[in-house]
Amino acid sequence: MNVEEIRDYCLSKPQATESFPFDDTSLVMKVCGKMFALIPLEATQTCITLKCDPDYAIELRDRYEAVTPAYHFNKKHWNTVFLDNTIKETDLVSWINQSYDLVVKGLTKKEKAGLGIQ
């Protein structure tokens, strides 16, 4: 997947929005104002930073050389995935879904109701 395809997929999630941080070098993908992904726009290699369950984050880092701790976030909960030939598109889509779902799980009842979730 390229940056545009990743962006489009993230925005296909219910109530997902995008914003630019102050420096306009990346896209921040949010649901109900809470970030589930960050896509650097000026990276030399296409990558995406995703929120993860801490145990799963470590498991992915151990299994894939292209998955590293996100040094600009809480390293226990965020991984940066560098897209290369070792990362399958189906895995990336699954990780985006997990990141989104993890953020949705932490929303308040009112926020979930706005998404149509009980």
C-alpha atoms as a PDB file:
ATOM      1  CA  MET A   1       0.000   0.000   0.000  1.00  0.00           C
ATOM      2  CA  ASN A   2       1.166   3.522  -0.646  1.00  0.00           C
ATOM      3  CA  VAL A   3       0.516   6.566   1.546  1.00  0.00           C
ATOM      4  CA  GLU A   4      -2.677   7.527  -0.299  1.00  0.00           C
ATOM      5  CA  GLU A   5      -4.112   3.999  -0.044  1.00  0.00           C
ATOM      6  CA  ILE A   6      -3.296   3.858   3.672  1.00  0.00           C
ATOM      7  CA  ARG A   7      -4.922   7.266   4.178  1.00  0.00           C
ATOM      8  CA  ASP A   8      -8.047   6.230   2.282  1.00  0.00           C
ATOM      9  CA  TYR A   9      -8.334   2.998   4.243  1.00  0.00           C
ATOM     10  CA  CYS A  10      -7.996   4.790   7.590  1.00  0.00           C
ATOM     11  CA  LEU A  11     -10.644   7.321   6.538  1.00  0.00           C
ATOM     12  CA  SER A  12     -13.011   4.486   5.574  1.00  0.00           C
ATOM     13  CA  LYS A  13     -13.360   3.621   9.275  1.00  0.00           C
ATOM     14  CA  PRO A  14     -16.564   4.987  10.913  1.00  0.00           C
ATOM     15  CA  GLN A  15     -16.195   8.613  12.049  1.00  0.00           C
ATOM     16  CA  ALA A  16     -12.473   8.648  11.204  1.00  0.00           C
ATOM     17  CA  THR A  17     -11.026  12.076  10.547  1.00  0.00           C
ATOM     18  CA  GLU A  18      -7.626  13.410   9.621  1.00  0.00           C
ATOM     19  CA  SER A  19      -5.704  16.444  10.725  1.00  0.00           C
ATOM     20  CA  PHE A  20      -2.267  17.908  10.309  1.00  0.00           C
ATOM     21  CA  PRO A  21      -0.068  18.571  13.315  1.00  0.00           C
ATOM     22  CA  PHE A  22       1.537  21.987  13.602  1.00  0.00           C
ATOM     23  CA  ASP A  23       4.396  21.108  11.244  1.00  0.00           C
ATOM     24  CA  ASP A  24       2.308  19.586   8.397  1.00  0.00           C
ATOM     25  CA  THR A  25       4.750  16.694   7.947  1.00  0.00           C
ATOM     26  CA  SER A  26       2.281  13.932   8.774  1.00  0.00           C
ATOM     27  CA  LEU A  27      -1.372  13.037   8.833  1.00  0.00           C
ATOM     28  CA  VAL A  28      -2.974  12.243  12.162  1.00  0.00           C
ATOM     29  CA  MET A  29      -5.889   9.823  11.904  1.00  0.00           C
ATOM     30  CA  LYS A  30      -8.445  10.115  14.710  1.00  0.00           C
ATOM     31  CA  VAL A  31     -11.769   8.779  15.868  1.00  0.00           C
ATOM     32  CA  CYS A  32     -13.727  11.011  18.256  1.00  0.00           C
ATOM     33  CA  GLY A  33     -10.636  13.191  18.555  1.00  0.00           C
ATOM     34  CA  LYS A  34      -8.394  10.330  19.694  1.00  0.00           C
ATOM     35  CA  MET A  35      -5.483   9.257  17.506  1.00  0.00           C
ATOM     36  CA  PHE A  36      -5.302   5.724  16.136  1.00  0.00           C
ATOM     37  CA  ALA A  37      -2.666   6.267  13.423  1.00  0.00           C
ATOM     38  CA  LEU A  38      -0.038   8.692  12.232  1.00  0.00           C
ATOM     39  CA  ILE A  39       1.189   8.709   8.633  1.00  0.00           C
ATOM     40  CA  PRO A  40       4.452  10.595   7.999  1.00  0.00           C
ATOM     41  CA  LEU A  41       4.315  12.394   4.662  1.00  0.00           C
ATOM     42  CA  GLU A  42       8.009  13.121   4.254  1.00  0.00           C
ATOM     43  CA  ALA A  43       9.490   9.794   5.352  1.00  0.00           C
ATOM     44  CA  THR A  44      12.109   8.236   3.099  1.00  0.00           C
ATOM     45  CA  GLN A  45      10.277   4.908   3.437  1.00  0.00           C
ATOM     46  CA  THR A  46       6.490   4.576   3.592  1.00  0.00           C
ATOM     47  CA  CYS A  47       5.418   3.851   7.151  1.00  0.00           C
ATOM     48  CA  ILE A  48       2.528   4.214   9.581  1.00  0.00           C
ATOM     49  CA  THR A  49       2.507   4.476  13.362  1.00  0.00           C
ATOM     50  CA  LEU A  50      -0.288   2.534  15.073  1.00  0.00           C
ATOM     51  CA  LYS A  51      -1.590   2.124  18.599  1.00  0.00           C
ATOM     52  CA  CYS A  52      -1.268  -1.438  19.923  1.00  0.00           C
ATOM     53  CA  ASP A  53      -2.012  -3.521  22.940  1.00  0.00           C
ATOM     54  CA  PRO A  54       1.353  -3.467  24.789  1.00  0.00           C
ATOM     55  CA  ASP A  55       1.878  -7.257  24.691  1.00  0.00           C
ATOM     56  CA  TYR A  56       0.915  -7.445  21.030  1.00  0.00           C
ATOM     57  CA  ALA A  57       3.190  -4.498  20.229  1.00  0.00           C
ATOM     58  CA  ILE A  58       6.186  -6.412  21.566  1.00  0.00           C
ATOM     59  CA  GLU A  59       5.122  -9.588  19.748  1.00  0.00           C
ATOM     60  CA  LEU A  60       4.973  -7.730  16.417  1.00  0.00           C
ATOM     61  CA  ARG A  61       8.409  -6.185  16.997  1.00  0.00           C
ATOM     62  CA  ASP A  62       9.856  -9.613  17.726  1.00  0.00           C
ATOM     63  CA  ARG A  63       8.238 -11.163  14.655  1.00  0.00           C
ATOM     64  CA  TYR A  64       8.859  -8.430  12.043  1.00  0.00           C
ATOM     65  CA  GLU A  65      12.077  -6.526  11.486  1.00  0.00           C
ATOM     66  CA  ALA A  66      10.037  -3.769   9.781  1.00  0.00           C
ATOM     67  CA  VAL A  67       8.064  -3.080  12.988  1.00  0.00           C
ATOM     68  CA  THR A  68       9.795  -0.863  15.541  1.00  0.00           C
ATOM     69  CA  PRO A  69       8.815   1.033  18.682  1.00  0.00           C
ATOM     70  CA  ALA A  70       7.430   4.468  17.915  1.00  0.00           C
ATOM     71  CA  TYR A  71      10.064   6.640  19.530  1.00  0.00           C
ATOM     72  CA  HIS A  72       7.907   9.764  19.424  1.00  0.00           C
ATOM     73  CA  PHE A  73       5.091   8.081  21.390  1.00  0.00           C
ATOM     74  CA  ASN A  74       4.728   5.729  24.353  1.00  0.00           C
ATOM     75  CA  LYS A  75       6.874   2.837  23.132  1.00  0.00           C
ATOM     76  CA  LYS A  76       4.749   0.255  24.946  1.00  0.00           C
ATOM     77  CA  HIS A  77       1.588   1.187  23.073  1.00  0.00           C
ATOM     78  CA  TRP A  78       2.718   2.428  19.664  1.00  0.00           C
ATOM     79  CA  ASN A  79       4.574   0.718  16.803  1.00  0.00           C
ATOM     80  CA  THR A  80       5.885   2.153  13.583  1.00  0.00           C
ATOM     81  CA  VAL A  81       5.445  -0.211  10.635  1.00  0.00           C
ATOM     82  CA  PHE A  82       7.833   0.361   7.739  1.00  0.00           C
ATOM     83  CA  LEU A  83       6.253  -1.000   4.591  1.00  0.00           C
ATOM     84  CA  ASP A  84       8.572  -3.301   2.760  1.00  0.00           C
ATOM     85  CA  ASN A  85       8.287  -6.697   1.103  1.00  0.00           C
ATOM     86  CA  THR A  86       8.031  -8.462   4.498  1.00  0.00           C
ATOM     87  CA  ILE A  87       4.729  -6.754   5.428  1.00  0.00           C
ATOM     88  CA  LYS A  88       1.635  -8.156   3.739  1.00  0.00           C
ATOM     89  CA  GLU A  89      -1.194  -5.775   2.896  1.00  0.00           C
ATOM     90  CA  THR A  90      -3.638  -8.030   4.758  1.00  0.00           C
ATOM     91  CA  ASP A  91      -1.494  -7.768   7.909  1.00  0.00           C
ATOM     92  CA  LEU A  92      -1.303  -3.986   7.621  1.00  0.00           C
ATOM     93  CA  VAL A  93      -5.084  -3.707   7.202  1.00  0.00           C
ATOM     94  CA  SER A  94      -5.553  -5.975  10.236  1.00  0.00           C
ATOM     95  CA  TRP A  95      -3.187  -3.820  12.335  1.00  0.00           C
ATOM     96  CA  ILE A  96      -4.985  -0.622  11.296  1.00  0.00           C
ATOM     97  CA  ASN A  97      -8.295  -2.250  12.280  1.00  0.00           C
ATOM     98  CA  GLN A  98      -6.858  -3.334  15.642  1.00  0.00           C
ATOM     99  CA  SER A  99      -5.518   0.153  16.324  1.00  0.00           C
ATOM    100  CA  TYR A 100      -8.871   1.733  15.478  1.00  0.00           C
ATOM    101  CA  ASP A 101     -10.762  -0.849  17.573  1.00  0.00           C
ATOM    102  CA  LEU A 102      -8.424  -0.329  20.536  1.00  0.00           C
ATOM    103  CA  VAL A 103      -9.129   3.403  20.504  1.00  0.00           C
ATOM    104  CA  VAL A 104     -12.890   2.851  20.092  1.00  0.00           C
ATOM    105  CA  LYS A 105     -12.835   0.430  23.027  1.00  0.00           C
ATOM    106  CA  GLY A 106     -11.505   3.238  25.231  1.00  0.00           C
ATOM    107  CA  LEU A 107     -14.176   5.761  24.234  1.00  0.00           C
ATOM    108  CA  THR A 108     -16.841   6.947  26.629  1.00  0.00           C
ATOM    109  CA  LYS A 109     -20.420   5.683  26.319  1.00  0.00           C
ATOM    110  CA  LYS A 110     -21.441   9.019  24.815  1.00  0.00           C
ATOM    111  CA  GLU A 111     -18.651   8.875  22.219  1.00  0.00           C
ATOM    112  CA  LYS A 112     -19.534   5.266  21.349  1.00  0.00           C
ATOM    113  CA  ALA A 113     -23.181   6.237  20.976  1.00  0.00           C
ATOM    114  CA  GLY A 114     -22.109   8.844  18.430  1.00  0.00           C
ATOM    115  CA  LEU A 115     -20.509   5.994  16.465  1.00  0.00           C
ATOM    116  CA  GLY A 116     -23.626   3.855  16.790  1.00  0.00           C
ATOM    117  CA  ILE A 117     -21.890   1.443  19.181  1.00  0.00           C
ATOM    118  CA  GLN A 118     -23.441   0.229  22.428  1.00  0.00           C
END
